[in-house]
Amino acid sequence: MKLAILGGGQLGKMFLQEAADYPMPVAVLDPDPRAPCAALTGLFKQGDYRDKQTVLDFAKDADAVGIEIEHVSVEALEALEEAGKRVIPAPRVLRLIQDKGLQKQFYADHGLPTASFYLASGLADIDPERIPLPFVQKTRTGGYDGKGVQVIVSEEDLHKLWDVPSVIETLCPIAHEIAVIVAADGNGGTVAYPVVEMVFDNVLNLVDYVQMPSFLSAKVRDKAQQLAQQLVQAFAAPGLYAVEMFVTKDGDIWINETAPRVHNSGHLTIEACANSQFEQMWRLLAGMPLGSVQQYRPAAMINLIGAYGHSGPALLEGLDAVLALDETYIHWYGKAETRPGRKMGHITVLADHEPALKAKIEQIRQAVRVISR
């Protein structure tokens, strides 16, 4: 059996590291010849995963096809599925998730809690009377890692609105941002990882660190897992789904958005859980039983983000300080160059309890920077 993956970034790299333990070749397609996956498989091919024919040619000999990025040719995946190949996520689910408008409508149609919204084809359709200020504008397609999202706070901000197809939604009174990763085998079986809490860098609009489990109440955690599994059951397709949610200041939970793939919020499962999210991805593609999601130890993951004022060949400053800490694991993504705000790696730490986790997080944040040589 041969697997084919569209996308050769850090998610693909960590998948390959898990897949190397199994006797099954994995091919990877990415437009960047220096992508992190390029050095880890002899079946790396440079090419555009958004181009239908390129994807068809690349995956013609594969038995199963997966993704590590959403922005790929759905038309090619549909054709591959029709040809009898196992495609995860299902192309119909990926098409829905690629369009934030369709995604939001899916939540509403299935009675899942989410921020109030309407769809706008352009500036002419945006009506501040319909959802009053402040509100959020999200581009329907193309956004990622906080790009394509902006908060319009006052009338003075209205000139910033993008004249593109958008989702306009109520600004959530956020108390906490959480996520649940669910694996579904397509035969009614699902497993859900413990709830993680994400703390964001408000300047970059990127995750600063993630902790598992969330130390919110059991009631909130149980409700979040229930909602995530309800959503995945509504998709009715095998796959790995990262369901991102807001906990409001009133204690309600709103679904924000879903990624149908391995996700930044699940990287700490490599060290913290019986089977990582990447192991689950391999099992799904290979048609194998789902693995245990048991968490062994409290964990946190700190993103390594390119520092401001630094562009070029990357250097991790403070490596010695990190390696002096016990139960601390560095994951360097192997990107050729850093730039401000770019994800260059992450560090996972384990500890006995929340205060110890917080102390390690703070030590690492004080000691480490990604700079250019």
Protein backbone atom coordinates (compact mmCIF):
# COMPACT_ATOMS: atom_id res chain seq x y z
CA MET A 1 0.00 0.00 0.00
CA LYS A 2 1.29 3.48 -0.89
CA LEU A 3 0.21 6.77 0.69
CA ALA A 4 0.30 10.19 -0.96
CA ILE A 5 0.27 13.48 0.98
CA LEU A 6 -0.51 16.91 -0.49
CA GLY A 7 1.67 19.46 1.29
CA GLY A 8 5.24 19.15 2.53
CA GLY A 9 5.34 21.57 5.47
CA GLN A 10 5.92 20.92 9.16
CA LEU A 11 2.70 18.92 9.55
CA GLY A 12 3.82 16.61 6.76
CA LYS A 13 7.26 16.32 8.34
CA MET A 14 5.84 15.18 11.67
CA PHE A 15 3.54 12.76 9.84
CA LEU A 16 6.52 11.27 8.01
CA GLN A 17 8.37 10.84 11.29
CA GLU A 18 5.49 8.70 12.60
CA ALA A 19 4.94 6.90 9.28
CA ALA A 20 8.61 5.87 9.15
CA ASP A 21 7.82 3.21 11.77
CA TYR A 22 5.53 1.37 9.35
CA PRO A 23 6.30 -0.63 6.16
CA MET A 24 4.31 1.63 3.86
CA PRO A 25 5.89 4.17 1.45
CA VAL A 26 4.72 7.79 1.61
CA ALA A 27 5.01 10.25 -1.29
CA VAL A 28 4.75 14.01 -0.72
CA LEU A 29 3.87 16.84 -3.14
CA ASP A 30 4.86 20.44 -2.43
CA PRO A 31 5.78 23.43 -4.64
CA ASP A 32 8.85 24.28 -2.52
CA PRO A 33 11.89 22.08 -3.25
CA ARG A 34 13.22 23.03 0.21
CA ALA A 35 10.00 22.10 2.06
CA PRO A 36 10.51 20.39 5.46
CA CYS A 37 9.39 17.03 4.02
CA ALA A 38 11.87 17.05 1.16
CA ALA A 39 14.71 15.51 3.17
CA LEU A 40 12.58 12.83 4.84
CA THR A 41 11.26 10.83 1.91
CA GLY A 42 12.76 9.61 -1.33
CA LEU A 43 9.30 10.04 -2.85
CA PHE A 44 9.18 13.84 -2.60
CA LYS A 45 7.91 15.59 -5.74
CA GLN A 46 8.00 19.31 -6.42
CA GLY A 47 4.68 20.49 -7.84
CA ASP A 48 1.58 22.60 -7.29
CA TYR A 49 -0.99 20.82 -5.13
CA ARG A 50 -3.60 23.36 -6.29
CA ASP A 51 -3.32 22.17 -9.88
CA LYS A 52 -5.72 19.33 -10.75
CA GLN A 53 -3.55 17.53 -13.31
CA THR A 54 -0.42 17.78 -11.18
CA VAL A 55 -2.24 16.15 -8.26
CA LEU A 56 -3.76 13.45 -10.48
CA ASP A 57 -0.37 12.57 -11.94
CA PHE A 58 1.27 12.58 -8.51
CA ALA A 59 -1.31 10.33 -6.83
CA LYS A 60 -2.10 7.94 -9.68
CA ASP A 61 -0.14 5.07 -8.10
CA ALA A 62 -1.25 5.73 -4.51
CA ASP A 63 -3.84 3.72 -2.62
CA ALA A 64 -4.74 6.52 -0.20
CA VAL A 65 -4.41 10.30 -0.40
CA GLY A 66 -4.30 12.79 2.48
CA ILE A 67 -3.54 16.47 3.06
CA GLU A 68 -1.57 18.61 5.48
CA ILE A 69 -2.99 21.87 4.09
CA GLU A 70 -6.53 22.77 2.99
CA HIS A 71 -5.61 24.83 -0.08
CA VAL A 72 -5.38 21.94 -2.54
CA SER A 73 -7.30 20.92 -5.67
CA VAL A 74 -10.62 19.49 -4.50
CA GLU A 75 -11.44 18.64 -8.12
CA ALA A 76 -8.42 16.33 -8.22
CA LEU A 77 -9.39 14.69 -4.94
CA GLU A 78 -12.92 14.13 -6.23
CA ALA A 79 -11.52 12.41 -9.32
CA LEU A 80 -9.20 10.27 -7.20
CA GLU A 81 -12.08 9.26 -4.94
CA GLU A 82 -14.18 8.34 -7.96
CA ALA A 83 -11.26 6.21 -9.18
CA GLY A 84 -11.55 4.15 -5.99
CA LYS A 85 -8.77 5.62 -3.90
CA ARG A 86 -9.20 6.31 -0.19
CA VAL A 87 -9.23 10.10 0.18
CA ILE A 88 -9.13 11.76 3.61
CA PRO A 89 -10.68 14.16 4.25
CA ALA A 90 -13.64 13.43 1.99
CA PRO A 91 -13.57 15.97 -0.88
CA ARG A 92 -17.13 17.10 -0.11
CA VAL A 93 -16.07 17.94 3.46
CA LEU A 94 -12.91 19.70 2.30
CA ARG A 95 -14.90 21.78 -0.23
CA LEU A 96 -17.20 22.89 2.57
CA ILE A 97 -14.35 23.77 4.92
CA GLN A 98 -12.38 25.66 2.27
CA ASP A 99 -15.25 28.16 2.16
CA LYS A 100 -15.86 29.74 5.58
CA GLY A 101 -19.32 30.79 4.44
CA LEU A 102 -20.36 27.22 3.66
CA GLN A 103 -18.71 26.08 6.88
CA LYS A 104 -20.67 28.56 9.00
CA GLN A 105 -23.90 27.67 7.22
CA PHE A 106 -23.24 23.98 7.94
CA TYR A 107 -23.01 24.75 11.67
CA ALA A 108 -26.27 26.69 11.55
CA ASP A 109 -28.07 24.04 9.50
CA HIS A 110 -27.11 21.36 12.04
CA GLY A 111 -28.08 23.39 15.11
CA LEU A 112 -24.50 23.79 16.32
CA PRO A 113 -23.73 26.91 18.39
CA THR A 114 -21.65 29.50 16.56
CA ALA A 115 -21.43 33.29 16.36
CA SER A 116 -24.37 35.00 14.63
CA PHE A 117 -23.42 35.76 11.04
CA TYR A 118 -24.44 36.66 7.51
CA LEU A 119 -22.72 36.27 4.16
CA ALA A 120 -21.61 39.24 2.05
CA SER A 121 -20.51 39.02 -1.58
CA GLY A 122 -18.67 42.34 -1.25
CA LEU A 123 -18.69 45.76 0.40
CA ALA A 124 -22.16 46.60 -0.90
CA ASP A 125 -23.64 43.76 1.17
CA ILE A 126 -22.04 44.71 4.48
CA ASP A 127 -24.65 46.35 6.68
CA PRO A 128 -23.57 47.56 10.16
CA GLU A 129 -27.24 47.64 11.11
CA ARG A 130 -27.59 43.91 10.53
CA ILE A 131 -24.77 42.97 12.92
CA PRO A 132 -23.79 46.07 14.87
CA LEU A 133 -20.28 47.22 15.61
CA PRO A 134 -17.96 45.74 16.72
CA PHE A 135 -18.04 42.81 14.30
CA VAL A 136 -15.62 40.39 12.60
CA GLN A 137 -14.95 40.12 8.88
CA LYS A 138 -13.56 36.83 7.56
CA THR A 139 -12.72 36.25 3.92
CA ARG A 140 -14.62 33.20 2.71
CA THR A 141 -11.59 31.60 1.08
CA GLY A 142 -7.82 31.69 1.33
CA GLY A 143 -7.36 32.66 4.96
CA TYR A 144 -5.06 30.83 7.36
CA ASP A 145 -3.12 31.45 10.60
CA GLY A 146 -5.10 34.60 11.37
CA LYS A 147 -4.82 36.00 7.85
CA GLY A 148 -8.08 36.99 6.21
CA VAL A 149 -9.65 37.93 9.56
CA GLN A 150 -10.13 41.41 10.99
CA VAL A 151 -12.16 43.04 13.75
CA ILE A 152 -14.06 46.18 12.83
CA VAL A 153 -14.41 48.02 16.12
CA SER A 154 -15.90 51.41 15.22
CA GLU A 155 -17.12 53.52 12.31
CA GLU A 156 -13.55 54.80 11.91
CA ASP A 157 -12.56 51.23 10.94
CA LEU A 158 -15.16 50.79 8.20
CA HIS A 159 -12.70 51.99 5.54
CA LYS A 160 -10.58 48.92 6.31
CA LEU A 161 -13.28 46.51 5.11
CA TRP A 162 -12.22 44.19 2.28
CA ASP A 163 -14.33 44.20 -0.87
CA VAL A 164 -14.35 40.40 -1.16
CA PRO A 165 -16.84 37.59 -0.42
CA SER A 166 -16.91 37.48 3.38
CA VAL A 167 -18.50 36.16 6.52
CA ILE A 168 -19.64 38.95 8.81
CA GLU A 169 -20.13 37.73 12.36
CA THR A 170 -20.75 38.95 15.88
CA LEU A 171 -17.61 39.62 17.89
CA CYS A 172 -17.53 36.88 20.51
CA PRO A 173 -16.99 37.92 24.14
CA ILE A 174 -14.15 35.42 24.47
CA ALA A 175 -13.07 34.13 27.87
CA HIS A 176 -11.09 31.14 26.57
CA GLU A 177 -10.13 29.58 23.23
CA ILE A 178 -10.17 25.80 23.18
CA ALA A 179 -9.99 22.93 20.70
CA VAL A 180 -10.81 19.25 20.48
CA ILE A 181 -9.28 16.88 17.94
CA VAL A 182 -11.58 14.06 16.88
CA ALA A 183 -10.67 11.05 14.74
CA ALA A 184 -13.51 9.27 12.92
CA ASP A 185 -13.07 5.96 11.11
CA GLY A 186 -16.13 6.28 8.88
CA ASN A 187 -17.78 3.21 10.41
CA GLY A 188 -19.28 4.98 13.41
CA GLY A 189 -16.14 4.84 15.53
CA THR A 190 -14.69 8.05 16.95
CA VAL A 191 -12.08 9.01 19.53
CA ALA A 192 -11.62 12.51 20.97
CA TYR A 193 -8.44 13.86 22.52
CA PRO A 194 -8.65 15.82 25.77
CA VAL A 195 -9.66 19.47 25.43
CA VAL A 196 -6.74 21.83 24.87
CA GLU A 197 -6.67 25.53 25.69
CA MET A 198 -4.93 27.92 23.32
CA VAL A 199 -3.35 31.19 24.41
CA PHE A 200 -2.85 33.64 21.54
CA ASP A 201 -0.28 36.27 20.69
CA ASN A 202 -2.56 39.29 20.24
CA VAL A 203 -0.09 41.04 17.93
CA LEU A 204 0.51 38.19 15.49
CA ASN A 205 -2.94 36.60 15.96
CA LEU A 206 -1.14 33.25 16.24
CA VAL A 207 -1.18 30.65 19.00
CA ASP A 208 1.51 31.44 21.58
CA TYR A 209 1.13 28.22 23.53
CA VAL A 210 -1.29 25.32 23.99
CA GLN A 211 -1.92 23.32 27.14
CA MET A 212 -3.50 19.89 27.59
CA PRO A 213 -5.65 19.24 29.39
CA SER A 214 -7.47 22.52 29.67
CA PHE A 215 -7.86 23.38 33.34
CA LEU A 216 -11.40 24.65 32.81
CA SER A 217 -14.27 22.95 34.63
CA ALA A 218 -15.24 19.37 33.85
CA LYS A 219 -18.64 20.67 32.72
CA VAL A 220 -17.04 22.89 30.05
CA ARG A 221 -14.64 20.17 28.92
CA ASP A 222 -17.40 17.58 28.61
CA LYS A 223 -19.61 19.97 26.64
CA ALA A 224 -16.74 20.84 24.28
CA GLN A 225 -16.01 17.19 23.54
CA GLN A 226 -19.71 16.53 23.03
CA LEU A 227 -20.04 19.40 20.53
CA ALA A 228 -16.90 18.38 18.64
CA GLN A 229 -18.14 14.82 18.26
CA GLN A 230 -21.60 16.02 17.26
CA LEU A 231 -20.04 18.10 14.48
CA VAL A 232 -17.84 15.25 13.26
CA GLN A 233 -20.83 12.92 13.19
CA ALA A 234 -22.64 15.50 11.04
CA PHE A 235 -19.75 15.45 8.55
CA ALA A 236 -20.39 11.68 8.25
CA ALA A 237 -16.96 10.99 6.77
CA PRO A 238 -13.71 9.48 8.05
CA GLY A 239 -10.97 11.89 8.98
CA LEU A 240 -9.11 13.83 11.62
CA TYR A 241 -10.86 17.04 12.63
CA ALA A 242 -9.53 19.87 14.80
CA VAL A 243 -12.59 21.72 16.10
CA GLU A 244 -11.73 25.19 17.42
CA MET A 245 -14.17 26.77 19.88
CA PHE A 246 -14.71 29.85 22.00
CA VAL A 247 -15.83 29.78 25.63
CA THR A 248 -17.77 33.00 26.17
CA LYS A 249 -17.69 35.14 29.28
CA ASP A 250 -21.13 33.72 30.11
CA GLY A 251 -19.78 30.17 29.91
CA ASP A 252 -21.37 29.23 26.59
CA ILE A 253 -19.37 27.39 23.90
CA TRP A 254 -19.40 28.52 20.26
CA ILE A 255 -17.79 26.59 17.43
CA ASN A 256 -15.40 28.89 15.57
CA GLU A 257 -13.98 26.80 12.74
CA THR A 258 -12.73 23.34 11.83
CA ALA A 259 -9.55 22.04 10.21
CA PRO A 260 -9.92 18.59 8.55
CA ARG A 261 -6.32 17.57 9.20
CA VAL A 262 -3.58 17.40 11.79
CA HIS A 263 -3.38 20.73 13.59
CA ASN A 264 -1.10 22.99 15.61
CA SER A 265 -3.28 22.46 18.69
CA GLY A 266 -2.46 18.75 18.63
CA HIS A 267 1.32 18.73 18.34
CA LEU A 268 1.76 18.02 22.05
CA THR A 269 0.01 14.67 21.58
CA ILE A 270 3.38 13.35 20.31
CA GLU A 271 4.81 13.30 23.84
CA ALA A 272 1.67 13.53 25.98
CA CYS A 273 -0.58 10.79 24.60
CA ALA A 274 -0.58 7.07 23.86
CA ASN A 275 -0.98 7.82 20.13
CA SER A 276 -0.31 11.19 18.54
CA GLN A 277 -2.56 12.96 16.06
CA PHE A 278 -0.05 12.00 13.35
CA GLU A 279 -0.35 8.33 14.28
CA GLN A 280 -4.13 8.70 13.99
CA MET A 281 -3.73 10.27 10.56
CA TRP A 282 -1.60 7.33 9.41
CA ARG A 283 -4.10 4.83 10.80
CA LEU A 284 -6.97 6.55 9.00
CA LEU A 285 -5.17 6.62 5.66
CA ALA A 286 -4.04 3.00 6.04
CA GLY A 287 -7.50 1.83 7.05
CA MET A 288 -6.26 0.65 10.45
CA PRO A 289 -8.09 0.76 13.82
CA LEU A 290 -8.09 4.08 15.65
CA GLY A 291 -5.51 4.42 18.42
CA SER A 292 -5.88 5.29 22.09
CA VAL A 293 -6.08 8.99 22.97
CA GLN A 294 -5.15 8.48 26.62
CA GLN A 295 -3.09 11.35 28.00
CA TYR A 296 -0.19 10.31 30.23
CA ARG A 297 0.97 13.66 31.60
CA PRO A 298 -0.12 17.31 31.63
CA ALA A 299 1.58 19.05 28.71
CA ALA A 300 2.07 22.38 27.02
CA MET A 301 3.38 23.37 23.60
CA ILE A 302 5.09 26.68 22.92
CA ASN A 303 5.28 27.84 19.31
CA LEU A 304 8.67 29.03 18.04
CA ILE A 305 7.86 32.10 15.95
CA GLY A 306 10.24 34.17 13.87
CA ALA A 307 11.27 37.29 15.81
CA TYR A 308 10.58 40.78 14.54
CA GLY A 309 13.50 42.34 12.70
CA HIS A 310 14.89 38.98 11.60
CA SER A 311 14.67 37.53 8.10
CA GLY A 312 16.99 34.99 6.51
CA PRO A 313 18.70 31.73 7.53
CA ALA A 314 17.27 30.73 10.91
CA LEU A 315 18.99 30.30 14.25
CA LEU A 316 17.41 29.14 17.53
CA GLU A 317 18.77 31.35 20.30
CA GLY A 318 18.68 29.90 23.82
CA LEU A 319 18.82 26.25 22.86
CA ASP A 320 21.14 25.44 25.77
CA ALA A 321 18.68 26.90 28.29
CA VAL A 322 15.86 24.75 26.90
CA LEU A 323 17.92 21.57 26.96
CA ALA A 324 18.72 22.18 30.63
CA LEU A 325 15.03 21.60 31.48
CA ASP A 326 13.74 18.09 32.06
CA GLU A 327 10.83 16.64 30.07
CA THR A 328 11.29 19.24 27.35
CA TYR A 329 11.18 18.33 23.65
CA ILE A 330 12.24 20.49 20.72
CA HIS A 331 10.69 20.15 17.27
CA TRP A 332 12.53 22.18 14.64
CA TYR A 333 10.60 22.27 11.37
CA GLY A 334 13.58 22.60 9.04
CA LYS A 335 12.38 25.67 7.14
CA ALA A 336 15.23 27.26 5.24
CA GLU A 337 14.55 30.83 6.34
CA THR A 338 12.87 32.69 9.15
CA ARG A 339 10.79 35.85 8.90
CA PRO A 340 8.72 37.79 11.47
CA GLY A 341 5.70 35.78 12.60
CA ARG A 342 6.64 32.58 10.75
CA LYS A 343 6.17 29.27 12.58
CA MET A 344 9.66 27.74 12.76
CA GLY A 345 9.16 25.01 15.34
CA HIS A 346 7.68 24.24 18.72
CA ILE A 347 8.71 23.03 22.15
CA THR A 348 6.62 20.59 24.19
CA VAL A 349 6.98 20.34 27.95
CA LEU A 350 5.52 17.85 30.41
CA ALA A 351 4.97 18.39 34.13
CA ASP A 352 3.01 17.09 37.12
CA HIS A 353 0.55 19.98 37.42
CA GLU A 354 -0.49 23.37 36.01
CA PRO A 355 1.84 25.61 38.08
CA ALA A 356 4.86 23.56 36.96
CA LEU A 357 3.73 23.81 33.34
CA LYS A 358 3.31 27.58 33.61
CA ALA A 359 6.76 27.92 35.14
CA LYS A 360 8.37 26.00 32.27
CA ILE A 361 6.43 28.00 29.69
CA GLU A 362 7.68 31.25 31.19
CA GLN A 363 11.29 30.02 31.36
CA ILE A 364 11.21 29.07 27.69
CA ARG A 365 9.56 32.30 26.59
CA GLN A 366 12.25 34.28 28.39
CA ALA A 367 15.14 32.22 27.03
CA VAL A 368 14.28 31.42 23.41
CA ARG A 369 14.09 33.45 20.20
CA VAL A 370 14.15 32.51 16.54
CA ILE A 371 16.50 34.96 14.84
CA SER A 372 18.42 35.15 11.58
CA ARG A 373 22.11 34.34 11.31
